[in-house]
C-alpha atoms as a PDB file:
ATOM      1  CA  MET A   1       0.360  -0.258   0.083  1.00  0.00           C
ATOM      2  CA  VAL A   2       1.535   3.264  -1.026  1.00  0.00           C
ATOM      3  CA  GLY A   3       0.139   5.377   1.867  1.00  0.00           C
ATOM      4  CA  VAL A   4      -1.964   4.597   5.294  1.00  0.00           C
ATOM      5  CA  ALA A   5      -5.367   3.797   4.968  1.00  0.00           C
ATOM      6  CA  LEU A   6      -7.429   6.127   6.220  1.00  0.00           C
ATOM      7  CA  THR A   7     -10.462   4.429   6.533  1.00  0.00           C
ATOM      8  CA  PHE A   8     -10.685   2.322   9.758  1.00  0.00           C
ATOM      9  CA  ALA A   9     -13.329  -0.350  10.697  1.00  0.00           C
ATOM     10  CA  LEU A  10     -12.546   0.080  14.471  1.00  0.00           C
ATOM     11  CA  VAL A  11     -14.091   0.537  17.930  1.00  0.00           C
ATOM     12  CA  LEU A  12     -12.643   3.637  19.532  1.00  0.00           C
ATOM     13  CA  GLN A  13     -12.309   2.019  23.552  1.00  0.00           C
ATOM     14  CA  PRO A  14      -9.590  -0.142  24.016  1.00  0.00           C
ATOM     15  CA  ASP A  15     -10.484  -4.058  25.247  1.00  0.00           C
ATOM     16  CA  ALA A  16      -8.720  -5.098  28.367  1.00  0.00           C
ATOM     17  CA  SER A  17      -5.683  -6.155  26.488  1.00  0.00           C
ATOM     18  CA  GLY A  18      -5.359  -2.206  25.918  1.00  0.00           C
ATOM     19  CA  GLN A  19      -5.469  -2.762  21.767  1.00  0.00           C
ATOM     20  CA  THR A  20      -7.939  -1.229  20.021  1.00  0.00           C
ATOM     21  CA  TYR A  21     -10.127  -3.520  17.612  1.00  0.00           C
ATOM     22  CA  ARG A  22     -11.674  -3.084  14.967  1.00  0.00           C
ATOM     23  CA  ALA A  23     -15.359  -3.666  14.246  1.00  0.00           C
ATOM     24  CA  ALA A  24     -17.549  -4.892  11.068  1.00  0.00           C
ATOM     25  CA  ILE A  25     -17.307  -2.113   9.222  1.00  0.00           C
ATOM     26  CA  ASP A  26     -15.208   0.336   7.979  1.00  0.00           C
ATOM     27  CA  LEU A  27     -15.315   3.728   9.073  1.00  0.00           C
ATOM     28  CA  VAL A  28     -13.372   7.035   8.828  1.00  0.00           C
ATOM     29  CA  VAL A  29     -11.614   8.746  12.271  1.00  0.00           C
ATOM     30  CA  VAL A  30     -11.236  11.774  12.324  1.00  0.00           C
ATOM     31  CA  ASP A  31      -9.685  13.874  14.907  1.00  0.00           C
ATOM     32  CA  VAL A  32     -10.856  17.436  16.045  1.00  0.00           C
ATOM     33  CA  THR A  33      -9.600  20.313  17.860  1.00  0.00           C
ATOM     34  CA  VAL A  34     -11.895  22.907  18.750  1.00  0.00           C
ATOM     35  CA  LYS A  35     -11.058  26.555  20.003  1.00  0.00           C
ATOM     36  CA  ASP A  36     -13.172  29.645  20.801  1.00  0.00           C
ATOM     37  CA  ARG A  37     -12.583  33.011  19.432  1.00  0.00           C
ATOM     38  CA  ASP A  38     -10.238  33.339  22.031  1.00  0.00           C
ATOM     39  CA  GLY A  39      -7.775  30.704  21.355  1.00  0.00           C
ATOM     40  CA  ARG A  40      -8.453  28.967  24.199  1.00  0.00           C
ATOM     41  CA  LEU A  41      -9.419  24.791  23.716  1.00  0.00           C
ATOM     42  CA  VAL A  42     -12.932  23.926  24.407  1.00  0.00           C
ATOM     43  CA  SER A  43     -13.453  20.835  26.381  1.00  0.00           C
ATOM     44  CA  GLY A  44     -16.997  19.153  27.225  1.00  0.00           C
ATOM     45  CA  LEU A  45     -18.574  19.023  24.101  1.00  0.00           C
ATOM     46  CA  GLN A  46     -20.837  16.670  22.724  1.00  0.00           C
ATOM     47  CA  ARG A  47     -21.369  14.191  19.559  1.00  0.00           C
ATOM     48  CA  GLU A  48     -24.137  16.432  18.651  1.00  0.00           C
ATOM     49  CA  ASP A  49     -22.022  19.620  18.790  1.00  0.00           C
ATOM     50  CA  PHE A  50     -20.586  18.386  15.487  1.00  0.00           C
ATOM     51  CA  GLY A  51     -21.401  18.486  12.143  1.00  0.00           C
ATOM     52  CA  VAL A  52     -19.257  16.344   9.611  1.00  0.00           C
ATOM     53  CA  PHE A  53     -18.974  16.761   5.898  1.00  0.00           C
ATOM     54  CA  GLU A  54     -17.547  14.638   3.218  1.00  0.00           C
ATOM     55  CA  ASP A  55     -17.112  16.316  -0.092  1.00  0.00           C
ATOM     56  CA  GLY A  56     -20.095  18.621   1.223  1.00  0.00           C
ATOM     57  CA  VAL A  57     -22.582  16.056   2.354  1.00  0.00           C
ATOM     58  CA  GLU A  58     -23.094  15.853   6.216  1.00  0.00           C
ATOM     59  CA  GLN A  59     -22.242  12.607   7.299  1.00  0.00           C
ATOM     60  CA  ARG A  60     -23.771  10.874  10.639  1.00  0.00           C
ATOM     61  CA  ILE A  61     -21.570  10.511  13.293  1.00  0.00           C
ATOM     62  CA  LEU A  62     -21.228   6.907  14.359  1.00  0.00           C
ATOM     63  CA  GLN A  63     -18.792   6.976  17.480  1.00  0.00           C
ATOM     64  CA  PHE A  64     -17.412   9.742  19.438  1.00  0.00           C
ATOM     65  CA  THR A  65     -15.545  10.450  22.288  1.00  0.00           C
ATOM     66  CA  GLY A  66     -14.013  13.335  24.357  1.00  0.00           C
ATOM     67  CA  GLU A  67     -11.593  11.016  26.344  1.00  0.00           C
ATOM     68  CA  ARG A  68      -7.887  11.309  25.581  1.00  0.00           C
ATOM     69  CA  VAL A  69      -7.200   8.106  23.127  1.00  0.00           C
ATOM     70  CA  PRO A  70      -3.021   7.087  22.984  1.00  0.00           C
ATOM     71  CA  VAL A  71      -1.444   8.268  20.021  1.00  0.00           C
ATOM     72  CA  SER A  72       1.770   7.677  17.408  1.00  0.00           C
ATOM     73  CA  LEU A  73       3.712  10.037  17.531  1.00  0.00           C
ATOM     74  CA  GLY A  74       6.441  10.411  15.154  1.00  0.00           C
ATOM     75  CA  ILE A  75       9.570  13.278  16.149  1.00  0.00           C
ATOM     76  CA  ALA A  76      11.332  14.495  13.354  1.00  0.00           C
ATOM     77  CA  VAL A  77      14.473  16.972  14.700  1.00  0.00           C
ATOM     78  CA  ASP A  78      16.498  18.923  12.258  1.00  0.00           C
ATOM     79  CA  VAL A  79      20.105  18.480  13.280  1.00  0.00           C
ATOM     80  CA  SER A  80      21.791  20.251   9.849  1.00  0.00           C
ATOM     81  CA  ASP A  81      24.774  22.685  10.797  1.00  0.00           C
ATOM     82  CA  SER A  82      22.684  25.299  11.933  1.00  0.00           C
ATOM     83  CA  MET A  83      21.320  23.584  14.846  1.00  0.00           C
ATOM     84  CA  PHE A  84      25.058  23.225  16.110  1.00  0.00           C
ATOM     85  CA  GLY A  85      25.121  24.896  19.863  1.00  0.00           C
ATOM     86  CA  VAL A  86      22.632  26.097  22.004  1.00  0.00           C
ATOM     87  CA  ARG A  87      19.907  25.117  19.555  1.00  0.00           C
ATOM     88  CA  ILE A  88      20.735  21.685  19.481  1.00  0.00           C
ATOM     89  CA  ALA A  89      20.904  21.986  22.964  1.00  0.00           C
ATOM     90  CA  ASP A  90      17.508  23.084  23.822  1.00  0.00           C
ATOM     91  CA  ALA A  91      16.141  20.812  21.565  1.00  0.00           C
ATOM     92  CA  ARG A  92      17.420  18.163  23.206  1.00  0.00           C
ATOM     93  CA  SER A  93      16.519  19.310  26.665  1.00  0.00           C
ATOM     94  CA  ALA A  94      13.029  20.156  24.896  1.00  0.00           C
ATOM     95  CA  ILE A  95      12.275  16.879  23.289  1.00  0.00           C
ATOM     96  CA  ASP A  96      13.336  14.327  26.522  1.00  0.00           C
ATOM     97  CA  HIS A  97      11.140  16.824  28.389  1.00  0.00           C
ATOM     98  CA  PHE A  98       8.177  15.905  25.994  1.00  0.00           C
ATOM     99  CA  LEU A  99       8.565  12.057  25.901  1.00  0.00           C
ATOM    100  CA  LEU A 100       9.626  11.849  29.901  1.00  0.00           C
ATOM    101  CA  SER A 101       6.924  14.117  31.227  1.00  0.00           C
ATOM    102  CA  LEU A 102       4.303  15.255  28.686  1.00  0.00           C
ATOM    103  CA  LEU A 103       3.052  11.978  26.460  1.00  0.00           C
ATOM    104  CA  ASP A 104       1.383   8.876  28.286  1.00  0.00           C
ATOM    105  CA  GLU A 105       3.028   5.391  29.130  1.00  0.00           C
ATOM    106  CA  GLY A 106       0.595   3.985  26.361  1.00  0.00           C
ATOM    107  CA  ASP A 107       1.430   5.766  23.490  1.00  0.00           C
ATOM    108  CA  GLU A 108       4.147   5.232  21.351  1.00  0.00           C
ATOM    109  CA  ALA A 109       6.433   7.227  19.659  1.00  0.00           C
ATOM    110  CA  PHE A 110       9.820   7.199  17.093  1.00  0.00           C
ATOM    111  CA  LEU A 111      12.652   9.215  16.215  1.00  0.00           C
ATOM    112  CA  MET A 112      14.168  10.718  13.372  1.00  0.00           C
ATOM    113  CA  VAL A 113      17.236  12.757  13.015  1.00  0.00           C
ATOM    114  CA  PHE A 114      17.087  14.931   9.270  1.00  0.00           C
ATOM    115  CA  ASN A 115      19.787  16.825   7.546  1.00  0.00           C
ATOM    116  CA  HIS A 116      20.653  16.543   4.070  1.00  0.00           C
ATOM    117  CA  THR A 117      19.957  12.777   4.367  1.00  0.00           C
ATOM    118  CA  GLN A 118      17.357  11.157   7.415  1.00  0.00           C
ATOM    119  CA  LEU A 119      17.348   8.503   9.899  1.00  0.00           C
ATOM    120  CA  ILE A 120      15.233   7.154  11.941  1.00  0.00           C
ATOM    121  CA  MET A 121      17.340   6.941  14.885  1.00  0.00           C
ATOM    122  CA  ALA A 122      14.181   5.290  16.981  1.00  0.00           C
ATOM    123  CA  PRO A 123      11.330   2.801  15.542  1.00  0.00           C
ATOM    124  CA  TRP A 124       8.184   2.663  17.042  1.00  0.00           C
ATOM    125  CA  THR A 125       8.513   2.977  21.127  1.00  0.00           C
ATOM    126  CA  VAL A 126       6.465   2.270  24.247  1.00  0.00           C
ATOM    127  CA  PRO A 127       6.268   3.735  26.355  1.00  0.00           C
ATOM    128  CA  PRO A 128       7.892   6.672  24.872  1.00  0.00           C
ATOM    129  CA  ARG A 129      10.092   8.110  27.993  1.00  0.00           C
ATOM    130  CA  ALA A 130      12.717   5.000  26.838  1.00  0.00           C
ATOM    131  CA  LEU A 131      13.562   7.504  23.810  1.00  0.00           C
ATOM    132  CA  ALA A 132      14.250  10.235  26.153  1.00  0.00           C
ATOM    133  CA  GLY A 133      18.550  10.803  25.797  1.00  0.00           C
ATOM    134  CA  ARG A 134      18.828   9.555  22.209  1.00  0.00           C
ATOM    135  CA  LEU A 135      19.400  12.539  20.837  1.00  0.00           C
ATOM    136  CA  ASP A 136      22.845  13.334  23.563  1.00  0.00           C
ATOM    137  CA  THR A 137      25.748  12.062  20.627  1.00  0.00           C
ATOM    138  CA  VAL A 138      23.681  13.765  17.855  1.00  0.00           C
ATOM    139  CA  LYS A 139      26.182  16.218  16.100  1.00  0.00           C
ATOM    140  CA  PRO A 140      24.826  18.599  13.594  1.00  0.00           C
ATOM    141  CA  PHE A 141      26.175  18.928  10.315  1.00  0.00           C
ATOM    142  CA  GLY A 142      25.242  18.937   6.827  1.00  0.00           C
ATOM    143  CA  GLY A 143      22.223  20.746   4.808  1.00  0.00           C
ATOM    144  CA  THR A 144      18.367  20.948   5.045  1.00  0.00           C
ATOM    145  CA  ALA A 145      15.984  18.372   3.282  1.00  0.00           C
ATOM    146  CA  ILE A 146      12.684  19.340   5.162  1.00  0.00           C
ATOM    147  CA  TYR A 147      10.825  17.533   2.935  1.00  0.00           C
ATOM    148  CA  ASP A 148      12.753  14.803   2.443  1.00  0.00           C
ATOM    149  CA  ALA A 149      12.031  14.398   6.356  1.00  0.00           C
ATOM    150  CA  VAL A 150       8.512  14.468   5.950  1.00  0.00           C
ATOM    151  CA  VAL A 151       8.019  12.085   2.828  1.00  0.00           C
ATOM    152  CA  LYS A 152      10.334   9.503   4.697  1.00  0.00           C
ATOM    153  CA  ALA A 153       8.410  10.206   8.011  1.00  0.00           C
ATOM    154  CA  ALA A 154       5.369   8.968   6.563  1.00  0.00           C
ATOM    155  CA  PRO A 155       5.642   5.379   5.748  1.00  0.00           C
ATOM    156  CA  MET A 156       6.384   4.776   9.346  1.00  0.00           C
ATOM    157  CA  PHE A 157       2.363   5.195  10.461  1.00  0.00           C
ATOM    158  CA  GLU A 158       1.622   2.034   8.018  1.00  0.00           C
ATOM    159  CA  LYS A 159       2.851   0.561  10.867  1.00  0.00           C
ATOM    160  CA  ARG A 160       1.437   1.957  14.140  1.00  0.00           C
ATOM    161  CA  ARG A 161      -0.201   0.992  16.838  1.00  0.00           C
ATOM    162  CA  HIS A 162      -2.500   3.592  17.518  1.00  0.00           C
ATOM    163  CA  GLN A 163      -5.521   5.042  15.105  1.00  0.00           C
ATOM    164  CA  ARG A 164      -4.656   8.807  16.369  1.00  0.00           C
ATOM    165  CA  CYS A 165      -1.272   9.337  14.874  1.00  0.00           C
ATOM    166  CA  GLY A 166       1.105  12.650  14.535  1.00  0.00           C
ATOM    167  CA  LEU A 167       4.366  14.083  13.241  1.00  0.00           C
ATOM    168  CA  VAL A 168       6.435  16.490  14.867  1.00  0.00           C
ATOM    169  CA  VAL A 169       8.601  18.720  12.490  1.00  0.00           C
ATOM    170  CA  ILE A 170      11.633  20.583  14.344  1.00  0.00           C
ATOM    171  CA  SER A 171      13.685  23.129  12.189  1.00  0.00           C
ATOM    172  CA  ASP A 172      15.317  26.434  12.246  1.00  0.00           C
ATOM    173  CA  GLY A 173      16.667  25.987   8.123  1.00  0.00           C
ATOM    174  CA  ALA A 174      15.992  26.596   5.328  1.00  0.00           C
ATOM    175  CA  ASP A 175      15.592  23.397   2.765  1.00  0.00           C
ATOM    176  CA  THR A 176      18.892  23.532   0.811  1.00  0.00           C
ATOM    177  CA  ALA A 177      19.114  19.812   0.008  1.00  0.00           C
ATOM    178  CA  SER A 178      15.440  18.486  -0.720  1.00  0.00           C
ATOM    179  CA  ASP A 179      14.706  16.030  -3.726  1.00  0.00           C
ATOM    180  CA  ALA A 180      10.820  16.383  -2.852  1.00  0.00           C
ATOM    181  CA  LYS A 181       9.071  19.379  -3.480  1.00  0.00           C
ATOM    182  CA  LEU A 182       6.352  20.856  -1.215  1.00  0.00           C
ATOM    183  CA  GLN A 183       3.911  19.439  -3.101  1.00  0.00           C
ATOM    184  CA  ASP A 184       5.072  15.669  -2.894  1.00  0.00           C
ATOM    185  CA  ALA A 185       4.856  16.325   1.107  1.00  0.00           C
ATOM    186  CA  LEU A 186       1.595  17.486   0.907  1.00  0.00           C
ATOM    187  CA  ARG A 187       0.766  14.010  -1.094  1.00  0.00           C
ATOM    188  CA  ARG A 188       2.250  11.920   1.217  1.00  0.00           C
ATOM    189  CA  VAL A 189       0.546  13.832   4.181  1.00  0.00           C
ATOM    190  CA  ASN A 190      -2.973  13.475   2.533  1.00  0.00           C
ATOM    191  CA  GLN A 191      -2.254  10.076   1.765  1.00  0.00           C
ATOM    192  CA  SER A 192      -1.725   9.203   5.744  1.00  0.00           C
ATOM    193  CA  ASP A 193      -4.292  10.092   8.525  1.00  0.00           C
ATOM    194  CA  ALA A 194      -1.162  11.677  10.628  1.00  0.00           C
ATOM    195  CA  PHE A 195      -1.790  15.094  11.566  1.00  0.00           C
ATOM    196  CA  VAL A 196       1.679  17.309  11.316  1.00  0.00           C
ATOM    197  CA  TYR A 197       3.013  19.642  13.679  1.00  0.00           C
ATOM    198  CA  ALA A 198       5.738  21.983  12.760  1.00  0.00           C
ATOM    199  CA  ILE A 199       8.079  24.323  15.159  1.00  0.00           C
ATOM    200  CA  ALA A 200      10.080  26.778  13.107  1.00  0.00           C
ATOM    201  CA  ILE A 201      13.107  28.158  14.976  1.00  0.00           C
ATOM    202  CA  ASP A 202      13.068  32.041  13.233  1.00  0.00           C
ATOM    203  CA  ALA A 203      15.623  33.900  15.561  1.00  0.00           C
ATOM    204  CA  PRO A 204      16.965  37.478  15.373  1.00  0.00           C
ATOM    205  CA  SER A 205      20.247  36.407  15.732  1.00  0.00           C
ATOM    206  CA  GLY A 206      22.423  33.941  14.449  1.00  0.00           C
ATOM    207  CA  PRO A 207      21.364  31.175  11.425  1.00  0.00           C
ATOM    208  CA  ALA A 208      18.406  32.173  10.964  1.00  0.00           C
ATOM    209  CA  ILE A 209      15.513  30.706   8.410  1.00  0.00           C
ATOM    210  CA  ASN A 210      15.947  32.415   5.580  1.00  0.00           C
ATOM    211  CA  HIS A 211      14.712  32.974   2.205  1.00  0.00           C
ATOM    212  CA  GLY A 212      14.808  29.178   0.860  1.00  0.00           C
ATOM    213  CA  PHE A 213      12.313  28.292   4.497  1.00  0.00           C
ATOM    214  CA  SER A 214       8.949  29.290   4.229  1.00  0.00           C
ATOM    215  CA  PRO A 215       6.848  29.191   6.970  1.00  0.00           C
ATOM    216  CA  GLU A 216       3.726  29.539   5.162  1.00  0.00           C
ATOM    217  CA  ALA A 217       4.413  26.233   2.787  1.00  0.00           C
ATOM    218  CA  LEU A 218       4.986  23.854   6.259  1.00  0.00           C
ATOM    219  CA  ASN A 219       1.988  25.872   7.649  1.00  0.00           C
ATOM    220  CA  GLU A 220       0.300  24.943   4.534  1.00  0.00           C
ATOM    221  CA  ILE A 221       1.373  21.068   5.223  1.00  0.00           C
ATOM    222  CA  SER A 222       0.402  21.338   8.738  1.00  0.00           C
ATOM    223  CA  SER A 223      -3.139  22.740   8.410  1.00  0.00           C
ATOM    224  CA  GLN A 224      -4.199  20.193   5.676  1.00  0.00           C
ATOM    225  CA  SER A 225      -3.658  17.767   8.298  1.00  0.00           C
ATOM    226  CA  GLY A 226      -5.042  19.273  10.894  1.00  0.00           C
ATOM    227  CA  GLY A 227      -2.062  20.394  12.915  1.00  0.00           C
ATOM    228  CA  TYR A 228      -0.160  23.458  12.997  1.00  0.00           C
ATOM    229  CA  THR A 229       2.863  25.759  12.677  1.00  0.00           C
ATOM    230  CA  GLU A 230       3.964  27.731  15.424  1.00  0.00           C
ATOM    231  CA  VAL A 231       7.225  29.975  14.419  1.00  0.00           C
ATOM    232  CA  ILE A 232       9.220  30.629  17.448  1.00  0.00           C
ATOM    233  CA  HIS A 233      12.244  33.533  17.802  1.00  0.00           C
ATOM    234  CA  GLU A 234      14.623  31.354  20.433  1.00  0.00           C
ATOM    235  CA  SER A 235      15.753  27.435  20.927  1.00  0.00           C
ATOM    236  CA  SER A 236      15.092  28.225  24.035  1.00  0.00           C
ATOM    237  CA  ASP A 237      11.468  28.617  23.440  1.00  0.00           C
ATOM    238  CA  LEU A 238      11.229  24.769  22.114  1.00  0.00           C
ATOM    239  CA  ALA A 239       9.731  23.339  25.550  1.00  0.00           C
ATOM    240  CA  GLY A 240       6.711  25.715  25.622  1.00  0.00           C
ATOM    241  CA  ALA A 241       5.808  24.972  22.085  1.00  0.00           C
ATOM    242  CA  THR A 242       6.551  21.291  22.549  1.00  0.00           C
ATOM    243  CA  GLU A 243       3.777  21.830  25.947  1.00  0.00           C
ATOM    244  CA  ARG A 244       1.428  23.438  23.438  1.00  0.00           C
ATOM    245  CA  ILE A 245       1.198  20.776  21.118  1.00  0.00           C
ATOM    246  CA  ALA A 246       0.872  17.994  23.979  1.00  0.00           C
ATOM    247  CA  TYR A 247      -1.997  20.059  25.899  1.00  0.00           C
ATOM    248  CA  GLU A 248      -3.699  19.844  22.904  1.00  0.00           C
ATOM    249  CA  LEU A 249      -3.125  16.225  22.457  1.00  0.00           C
ATOM    250  CA  ASN A 250      -5.012  15.925  25.757  1.00  0.00           C
ATOM    251  CA  HIS A 251      -7.659  17.657  24.478  1.00  0.00           C
ATOM    252  CA  GLN A 252      -8.786  16.501  21.292  1.00  0.00           C
ATOM    253  CA  TYR A 253     -12.268  14.551  20.293  1.00  0.00           C
ATOM    254  CA  THR A 254     -12.513  11.745  17.714  1.00  0.00           C
ATOM    255  CA  LEU A 255     -15.100  11.016  16.024  1.00  0.00           C
ATOM    256  CA  ALA A 256     -16.347   8.754  13.067  1.00  0.00           C
ATOM    257  CA  TYR A 257     -18.506   8.010  10.615  1.00  0.00           C
ATOM    258  CA  ALA A 258     -19.046   5.436   7.532  1.00  0.00           C
ATOM    259  CA  PRO A 259     -18.871   6.540   4.238  1.00  0.00           C
ATOM    260  CA  SER A 260     -21.459   5.951   1.518  1.00  0.00           C
ATOM    261  CA  ARG A 261     -19.428   4.805  -1.389  1.00  0.00           C
ATOM    262  CA  VAL A 262     -17.468   1.964  -1.668  1.00  0.00           C
ATOM    263  CA  ALA A 263     -13.402   2.386  -1.298  1.00  0.00           C
ATOM    264  CA  ASP A 264     -12.382   4.065  -4.686  1.00  0.00           C
ATOM    265  CA  GLY A 265      -9.047   5.098  -3.936  1.00  0.00           C
ATOM    266  CA  GLN A 266      -9.615   8.857  -4.423  1.00  0.00           C
ATOM    267  CA  TYR A 267      -8.804  11.744  -2.135  1.00  0.00           C
ATOM    268  CA  HIS A 268     -12.191  13.198  -0.817  1.00  0.00           C
ATOM    269  CA  SER A 269     -12.273  16.334   1.461  1.00  0.00           C
ATOM    270  CA  ILE A 270     -13.906  16.427   5.233  1.00  0.00           C
ATOM    271  CA  ARG A 271     -14.760  19.181   6.946  1.00  0.00           C
ATOM    272  CA  VAL A 272     -16.026  19.455  10.579  1.00  0.00           C
ATOM    273  CA  ARG A 273     -18.194  22.201  11.574  1.00  0.00           C
ATOM    274  CA  MET A 274     -19.706  23.363  14.945  1.00  0.00           C
ATOM    275  CA  ARG A 275     -22.767  23.997  15.758  1.00  0.00           C
ATOM    276  CA  ASP A 276     -21.903  26.778  18.423  1.00  0.00           C
ATOM    277  CA  PRO A 277     -20.985  30.049  16.270  1.00  0.00           C
ATOM    278  CA  ARG A 278     -18.610  30.611  19.089  1.00  0.00           C
ATOM    279  CA  HIS A 279     -16.384  27.533  18.751  1.00  0.00           C
ATOM    280  CA  VAL A 280     -13.708  26.651  15.473  1.00  0.00           C
ATOM    281  CA  ALA A 281     -13.290  23.234  14.691  1.00  0.00           C
ATOM    282  CA  ARG A 282      -9.513  22.146  13.299  1.00  0.00           C
ATOM    283  CA  SER A 283      -9.146  18.843  11.590  1.00  0.00           C
ATOM    284  CA  ARG A 284      -7.557  17.537   8.635  1.00  0.00           C
ATOM    285  CA  HIS A 285      -8.777  18.424   5.077  1.00  0.00           C
ATOM    286  CA  GLY A 286      -9.320  15.382   3.527  1.00  0.00           C
ATOM    287  CA  TYR A 287      -8.540  11.111   3.241  1.00  0.00           C
ATOM    288  CA  THR A 288      -7.728   9.200   0.142  1.00  0.00           C
ATOM    289  CA  HIS A 289     -10.364   6.236   0.576  1.00  0.00           C
ATOM    290  CA  GLN A 290      -8.668   2.481   1.021  1.00  0.00           C
ATOM    291  CA  ARG A 291     -10.069  -0.312   2.083  1.00  0.00           C
ATOM    292  CA  THR A 292      -8.725  -1.790   4.979  1.00  0.00           C
ATOM    293  CA  ARG A 293      -8.506  -5.488   6.636  1.00  0.00           C
ATOM    294  CA  THR A 294     -11.183  -5.612   9.902  1.00  0.00           C
ATOM    295  CA  GLY A 295     -10.420  -7.975  13.110  1.00  0.00           C
ATOM    296  CA  SER A 296      -6.852  -6.189  13.630  1.00  0.00           C
ATOM    297  CA  PRO A 297      -5.677  -4.023  16.220  1.00  0.00           C
ATOM    298  CA  SER A 298      -6.212  -0.490  15.173  1.00  0.00           C
ATOM    299  CA  ARG A 299      -3.170   0.859  13.086  1.00  0.00           C
END
C-alpha cells in the first residue's frame, strides 16, 4: 500500500489488553481540535455539537469520544549545521521533557533526525520515555531537507499501533537539499492520517530561517493535516512550544463516520463544523479512501 489507509473499521474504546480493535464496518476517523474565539481549547462538548461533511455532504457520526485516546507520535528533528550549539542543546532538553513528562505511558513514539539525509534513530517505542537521551550524541552537520524528511516519515505510520497519530517537525533552516518538493510532501501527508505539528525556529540573531525556508509552506502542510505551525524566535522557546502540542493532544475529540461509497482510492474532502458559532474546529482536510482489513488491532 502506498499510503496509510484512512478508513478504519474500529471500536474507539480499548479492550482489557489495551488494544483497540476494528469492528465489522469501515469507518473514517477524524481527530478534531476545538477552540473558542479567544483561541482557548474547548472541552466538554458532545456528539451533537459537531457536524462532519464529506465532499460537502453531511455524514452521520457513528462513534464519538472526548476522552484522551492513545497516540502514535513521530518526532523529526533538524540536525543540520545551523542547529549547532545552543539550538541542539535546547532541542535535546525540550524533546526529553516531552517524552518523559508530557506523553502518556500508553502512547508510542519514534525518533527521526534529518539534515540532507534522514535517519530513523529509534522505531516505534513504548513507552515514549524510553527514547529520552537518544539525541545526546548527535552532532549537527550538513544541509537541510525538510520535505524529504516528511516524505521519509510517512511510511512509519503504516506500522503504528494506535489510530490517532501525528508528526512533530522541529527545524531552523532553509530547505537546501530536498529532492522532494512541497507538493510531494503534501501528497504524502494527504495519503496518511497523521496530523503534522511544525516548530520553526526563526531567531533574530545567529543562523536563521532564510529566503529558502517558508513557514507558509510548512503551515500549508500542517494545516491540511489538522495540525499547525508555530514560529518561535529563540530555541529556548522549544519547551513551551512542545508543551502546547502536548496540551492540545490531551484535549482533542475523536469522531467516526461510515462513508456511503465503496473504497475508490480517491481523495475526499472532510470539513468539521461546529453547531455553536463561537467555536471553531480544526481537523484534517481530507483522506484517500482505501479499504483496510477488519479484525486486527488499530494501526
